[in-house]
C-alpha atoms as a PDB file:
ATOM      1  CA  MET A   1       0.035  -0.146  -0.220  1.00  0.00           C
ATOM      2  CA  LYS A   2       2.794   2.496   0.825  1.00  0.00           C
ATOM      3  CA  SER A   3       3.924   2.186  -3.331  1.00  0.00           C
ATOM      4  CA  LEU A   4       0.589   3.611  -4.186  1.00  0.00           C
ATOM      5  CA  PRO A   5       1.120   7.130  -2.603  1.00  0.00           C
ATOM      6  CA  SER A   6       4.895   7.000  -3.885  1.00  0.00           C
ATOM      7  CA  PHE A   7       3.803   6.259  -7.305  1.00  0.00           C
ATOM      8  CA  PHE A   8       1.388   9.079  -7.256  1.00  0.00           C
ATOM      9  CA  ALA A   9       3.864  11.399  -5.891  1.00  0.00           C
ATOM     10  CA  VAL A  10       6.235  10.418  -8.894  1.00  0.00           C
ATOM     11  CA  PHE A  11       3.512  10.756 -11.259  1.00  0.00           C
ATOM     12  CA  ILE A  12       2.606  14.249 -10.277  1.00  0.00           C
ATOM     13  CA  ILE A  13       6.386  15.326 -10.317  1.00  0.00           C
ATOM     14  CA  ALA A  14       6.632  14.077 -13.794  1.00  0.00           C
ATOM     15  CA  LEU A  15       3.494  15.994 -14.906  1.00  0.00           C
ATOM     16  CA  ILE A  16       4.838  19.148 -13.087  1.00  0.00           C
ATOM     17  CA  SER A  17       8.161  18.672 -14.953  1.00  0.00           C
ATOM     18  CA  ALA A  18       6.497  18.063 -18.126  1.00  0.00           C
ATOM     19  CA  ALA A  19       4.545  21.364 -17.940  1.00  0.00           C
ATOM     20  CA  ILE A  20       7.364  23.463 -16.789  1.00  0.00           C
ATOM     21  CA  SER A  21       9.383  22.200 -19.874  1.00  0.00           C
ATOM     22  CA  LEU A  22       6.612  23.182 -22.320  1.00  0.00           C
ATOM     23  CA  PRO A  23       7.665  26.448 -24.268  1.00  0.00           C
ATOM     24  CA  THR A  24       5.255  29.208 -24.060  1.00  0.00           C
ATOM     25  CA  PHE A  25       5.551  30.446 -27.752  1.00  0.00           C
ATOM     26  CA  SER A  26       6.872  28.546 -30.935  1.00  0.00           C
ATOM     27  CA  ALA A  27      10.494  28.825 -31.620  1.00  0.00           C
ATOM     28  CA  GLU A  28       9.332  28.216 -35.105  1.00  0.00           C
ATOM     29  CA  PHE A  29       7.080  31.064 -35.111  1.00  0.00           C
ATOM     30  CA  ASP A  30       7.017  32.704 -38.715  1.00  0.00           C
ATOM     31  CA  PRO A  31       5.940  36.520 -38.565  1.00  0.00           C
ATOM     32  CA  GLU A  32       5.964  37.036 -42.201  1.00  0.00           C
ATOM     33  CA  LEU A  33       3.483  33.926 -42.414  1.00  0.00           C
ATOM     34  CA  ALA A  34       1.459  35.096 -39.658  1.00  0.00           C
ATOM     35  CA  ARG A  35       1.040  38.174 -41.571  1.00  0.00           C
ATOM     36  CA  GLN A  36       0.294  37.169 -44.641  1.00  0.00           C
ATOM     37  CA  THR A  37      -2.554  34.855 -43.077  1.00  0.00           C
ATOM     38  CA  GLY A  38      -3.922  37.748 -40.743  1.00  0.00           C
ATOM     39  CA  ALA A  39      -3.145  35.776 -37.793  1.00  0.00           C
ATOM     40  CA  ASP A  40      -3.391  37.304 -34.388  1.00  0.00           C
ATOM     41  CA  ALA A  41      -0.851  36.684 -31.547  1.00  0.00           C
ATOM     42  CA  TYR A  42      -2.549  33.165 -31.053  1.00  0.00           C
ATOM     43  CA  GLY A  43      -2.473  31.914 -34.765  1.00  0.00           C
ATOM     44  CA  MET A  44      -6.046  32.552 -34.862  1.00  0.00           C
ATOM     45  CA  LYS A  45      -8.453  34.914 -36.796  1.00  0.00           C
ATOM     46  CA  PRO A  46     -12.000  35.778 -37.321  1.00  0.00           C
ATOM     47  CA  TYR A  47     -14.093  33.831 -39.906  1.00  0.00           C
ATOM     48  CA  VAL A  48     -17.828  33.330 -40.901  1.00  0.00           C
ATOM     49  CA  VAL A  49     -19.018  29.802 -41.112  1.00  0.00           C
ATOM     50  CA  ALA A  50     -22.087  28.685 -43.348  1.00  0.00           C
ATOM     51  CA  PHE A  51     -23.894  25.506 -42.504  1.00  0.00           C
ATOM     52  CA  LEU A  52     -25.546  24.961 -45.746  1.00  0.00           C
ATOM     53  CA  LYS A  53     -29.178  23.054 -45.270  1.00  0.00           C
ATOM     54  CA  ALA A  54     -31.619  21.651 -47.572  1.00  0.00           C
ATOM     55  CA  GLY A  55     -33.840  24.434 -49.023  1.00  0.00           C
ATOM     56  CA  PRO A  56     -37.587  24.301 -49.728  1.00  0.00           C
ATOM     57  CA  ASN A  57     -37.057  23.977 -53.465  1.00  0.00           C
ATOM     58  CA  ARG A  58     -35.528  20.681 -54.053  1.00  0.00           C
ATOM     59  CA  SER A  59     -37.329  19.655 -57.269  1.00  0.00           C
ATOM     60  CA  GLY A  60     -36.216  19.580 -60.682  1.00  0.00           C
ATOM     61  CA  SER A  61     -35.319  17.278 -63.422  1.00  0.00           C
ATOM     62  CA  ASP A  62     -32.071  15.279 -63.337  1.00  0.00           C
ATOM     63  CA  ALA A  63     -30.912  17.743 -66.027  1.00  0.00           C
ATOM     64  CA  GLU A  64     -31.810  20.848 -64.200  1.00  0.00           C
ATOM     65  CA  LYS A  65     -30.169  19.242 -60.501  1.00  0.00           C
ATOM     66  CA  ALA A  66     -26.952  18.677 -62.492  1.00  0.00           C
ATOM     67  CA  ALA A  67     -26.769  22.266 -63.980  1.00  0.00           C
ATOM     68  CA  LEU A  68     -27.710  23.794 -60.765  1.00  0.00           C
ATOM     69  CA  GLN A  69     -24.738  21.314 -58.919  1.00  0.00           C
ATOM     70  CA  ARG A  70     -22.350  22.406 -61.796  1.00  0.00           C
ATOM     71  CA  ALA A  71     -23.365  26.153 -61.135  1.00  0.00           C
ATOM     72  CA  HIS A  72     -22.864  25.826 -57.320  1.00  0.00           C
ATOM     73  CA  LEU A  73     -19.308  24.148 -57.506  1.00  0.00           C
ATOM     74  CA  ASP A  74     -18.342  27.115 -60.118  1.00  0.00           C
ATOM     75  CA  ASN A  75     -19.445  29.657 -57.657  1.00  0.00           C
ATOM     76  CA  ILE A  76     -17.452  27.814 -54.804  1.00  0.00           C
ATOM     77  CA  LYS A  77     -14.362  27.731 -57.018  1.00  0.00           C
ATOM     78  CA  ARG A  78     -14.871  31.649 -57.960  1.00  0.00           C
ATOM     79  CA  LEU A  79     -15.086  32.330 -54.340  1.00  0.00           C
ATOM     80  CA  ALA A  80     -12.038  30.245 -53.367  1.00  0.00           C
ATOM     81  CA  ASP A  81      -9.994  31.729 -56.212  1.00  0.00           C
ATOM     82  CA  GLU A  82     -10.804  35.094 -55.147  1.00  0.00           C
ATOM     83  CA  GLY A  83      -9.751  34.401 -51.420  1.00  0.00           C
ATOM     84  CA  LEU A  84     -13.162  35.068 -49.851  1.00  0.00           C
ATOM     85  CA  LEU A  85     -13.700  31.133 -49.225  1.00  0.00           C
ATOM     86  CA  VAL A  86     -11.573  28.988 -47.241  1.00  0.00           C
ATOM     87  CA  LEU A  87     -13.021  25.702 -46.982  1.00  0.00           C
ATOM     88  CA  ALA A  88     -16.095  24.095 -48.465  1.00  0.00           C
ATOM     89  CA  GLY A  89     -17.447  20.565 -48.597  1.00  0.00           C
ATOM     90  CA  PRO A  90     -20.453  18.329 -48.444  1.00  0.00           C
ATOM     91  CA  PHE A  91     -21.420  16.329 -45.310  1.00  0.00           C
ATOM     92  CA  LEU A  92     -21.438  12.567 -46.213  1.00  0.00           C
ATOM     93  CA  ASP A  93     -24.960  11.700 -45.046  1.00  0.00           C
ATOM     94  CA  LYS A  94     -27.982  12.708 -46.683  1.00  0.00           C
ATOM     95  CA  GLY A  95     -29.363  14.583 -43.854  1.00  0.00           C
ATOM     96  CA  GLU A  96     -30.973  18.144 -43.699  1.00  0.00           C
ATOM     97  CA  LEU A  97     -27.678  19.758 -43.349  1.00  0.00           C
ATOM     98  CA  ARG A  98     -25.892  19.439 -46.562  1.00  0.00           C
ATOM     99  CA  GLY A  99     -22.495  21.364 -46.084  1.00  0.00           C
ATOM    100  CA  ILE A 100     -20.328  23.442 -44.945  1.00  0.00           C
ATOM    101  CA  TYR A 101     -18.378  27.014 -46.006  1.00  0.00           C
ATOM    102  CA  ILE A 102     -15.896  28.906 -44.134  1.00  0.00           C
ATOM    103  CA  PHE A 103     -15.549  32.561 -45.543  1.00  0.00           C
ATOM    104  CA  ASN A 104     -12.452  34.693 -45.036  1.00  0.00           C
ATOM    105  CA  VAL A 105     -14.547  37.642 -43.594  1.00  0.00           C
ATOM    106  CA  SER A 106     -15.116  38.637 -40.228  1.00  0.00           C
ATOM    107  CA  ASP A 107     -18.727  39.877 -40.250  1.00  0.00           C
ATOM    108  CA  VAL A 108     -21.731  37.926 -40.978  1.00  0.00           C
ATOM    109  CA  GLU A 109     -23.556  40.673 -43.352  1.00  0.00           C
ATOM    110  CA  THR A 110     -20.503  40.410 -45.718  1.00  0.00           C
ATOM    111  CA  ALA A 111     -20.722  36.504 -45.686  1.00  0.00           C
ATOM    112  CA  ARG A 112     -24.725  36.854 -46.437  1.00  0.00           C
ATOM    113  CA  LYS A 113     -23.662  38.818 -49.494  1.00  0.00           C
ATOM    114  CA  LEU A 114     -21.356  36.472 -50.607  1.00  0.00           C
ATOM    115  CA  THR A 115     -23.963  33.320 -50.346  1.00  0.00           C
ATOM    116  CA  GLN A 116     -26.408  35.239 -52.404  1.00  0.00           C
ATOM    117  CA  SER A 117     -24.006  34.660 -55.221  1.00  0.00           C
ATOM    118  CA  ASP A 118     -24.621  30.916 -55.190  1.00  0.00           C
ATOM    119  CA  PRO A 119     -26.840  29.749 -57.685  1.00  0.00           C
ATOM    120  CA  ALA A 120     -28.097  27.080 -55.329  1.00  0.00           C
ATOM    121  CA  ILE A 121     -29.105  29.561 -52.591  1.00  0.00           C
ATOM    122  CA  GLN A 122     -30.917  31.506 -55.414  1.00  0.00           C
ATOM    123  CA  SER A 123     -32.992  28.955 -56.478  1.00  0.00           C
ATOM    124  CA  GLY A 124     -33.969  27.789 -52.875  1.00  0.00           C
ATOM    125  CA  SER A 125     -32.486  24.320 -53.160  1.00  0.00           C
ATOM    126  CA  LEU A 126     -30.155  25.348 -50.185  1.00  0.00           C
ATOM    127  CA  VAL A 127     -30.488  27.632 -47.447  1.00  0.00           C
ATOM    128  CA  MET A 128     -27.528  28.989 -45.123  1.00  0.00           C
ATOM    129  CA  GLU A 129     -27.337  29.653 -41.473  1.00  0.00           C
ATOM    130  CA  LEU A 130     -24.302  32.056 -40.830  1.00  0.00           C
ATOM    131  CA  LYS A 131     -22.163  31.956 -37.666  1.00  0.00           C
ATOM    132  CA  PRO A 132     -19.111  33.940 -36.715  1.00  0.00           C
ATOM    133  CA  TRP A 133     -16.238  31.950 -35.916  1.00  0.00           C
ATOM    134  CA  TYR A 134     -12.610  32.291 -34.331  1.00  0.00           C
ATOM    135  CA  GLY A 135     -10.249  29.674 -35.835  1.00  0.00           C
ATOM    136  CA  SER A 136      -6.649  28.786 -36.903  1.00  0.00           C
ATOM    137  CA  ALA A 137      -5.391  31.232 -39.492  1.00  0.00           C
ATOM    138  CA  ALA A 138      -3.479  28.130 -40.884  1.00  0.00           C
ATOM    139  CA  LEU A 139      -6.790  27.502 -42.735  1.00  0.00           C
ATOM    140  CA  MET A 140      -6.014  30.359 -45.015  1.00  0.00           C
ATOM    141  CA  MET A 141      -3.399  27.815 -46.564  1.00  0.00           C
ATOM    142  CA  VAL A 142      -5.826  25.279 -47.252  1.00  0.00           C
ATOM    143  CA  ASN A 143      -6.666  26.193 -50.835  1.00  0.00           C
ATOM    144  CA  GLU A 144      -2.858  26.385 -51.948  1.00  0.00           C
ATOM    145  CA  TRP A 145      -2.299  23.057 -50.483  1.00  0.00           C
ATOM    146  CA  HIS A 146      -5.368  21.405 -51.756  1.00  0.00           C
ATOM    147  CA  SER A 147      -4.541  22.260 -55.467  1.00  0.00           C
ATOM    148  CA  LYS A 148      -1.061  20.317 -54.441  1.00  0.00           C
ATOM    149  CA  LEU A 149      -3.393  17.063 -53.487  1.00  0.00           C
ATOM    150  CA  ALA A 150      -6.085  17.003 -56.090  1.00  0.00           C
ATOM    151  CA  GLU A 151      -5.441  14.949 -59.176  1.00  0.00           C
ATOM    152  CA  LYS A 152      -8.807  16.175 -60.566  1.00  0.00           C
ATOM    153  CA  GLY A 153     -10.813  19.560 -60.095  1.00  0.00           C
ATOM    154  CA  ILE A 154     -14.386  19.928 -59.306  1.00  0.00           C
END
């Protein structure tokens, strides 16, 4: 029984030692990259997240739905190319929540105006719920890296 308290004492000392040895900043901090991505002192920045939900108008022929999807994807690419859309993608189930956008804007009203450029929003096939969000500024690099990973375009 005496070994159990000793074990906990050693365990606590090890945890404290590990915590003390943790750096309070990154030795690899890149101030130029932080500036380029808009990072604050924590490596974070504001965005607006859009949750794409199934809209009231989901009807249409297969050809009409395909054309609408193509226009929706073209709009996503345009916004990403302009640096306004950091991340986009569908959810893999077939629920009401259809996908997500992360906009490189700091206010909901600007994001709302951007969502109005989406043909799927215009048609009522999708609706969006917008939320201000604080996340890693490293997301600003996703599109650059994605282009190096994607063998095919959308």
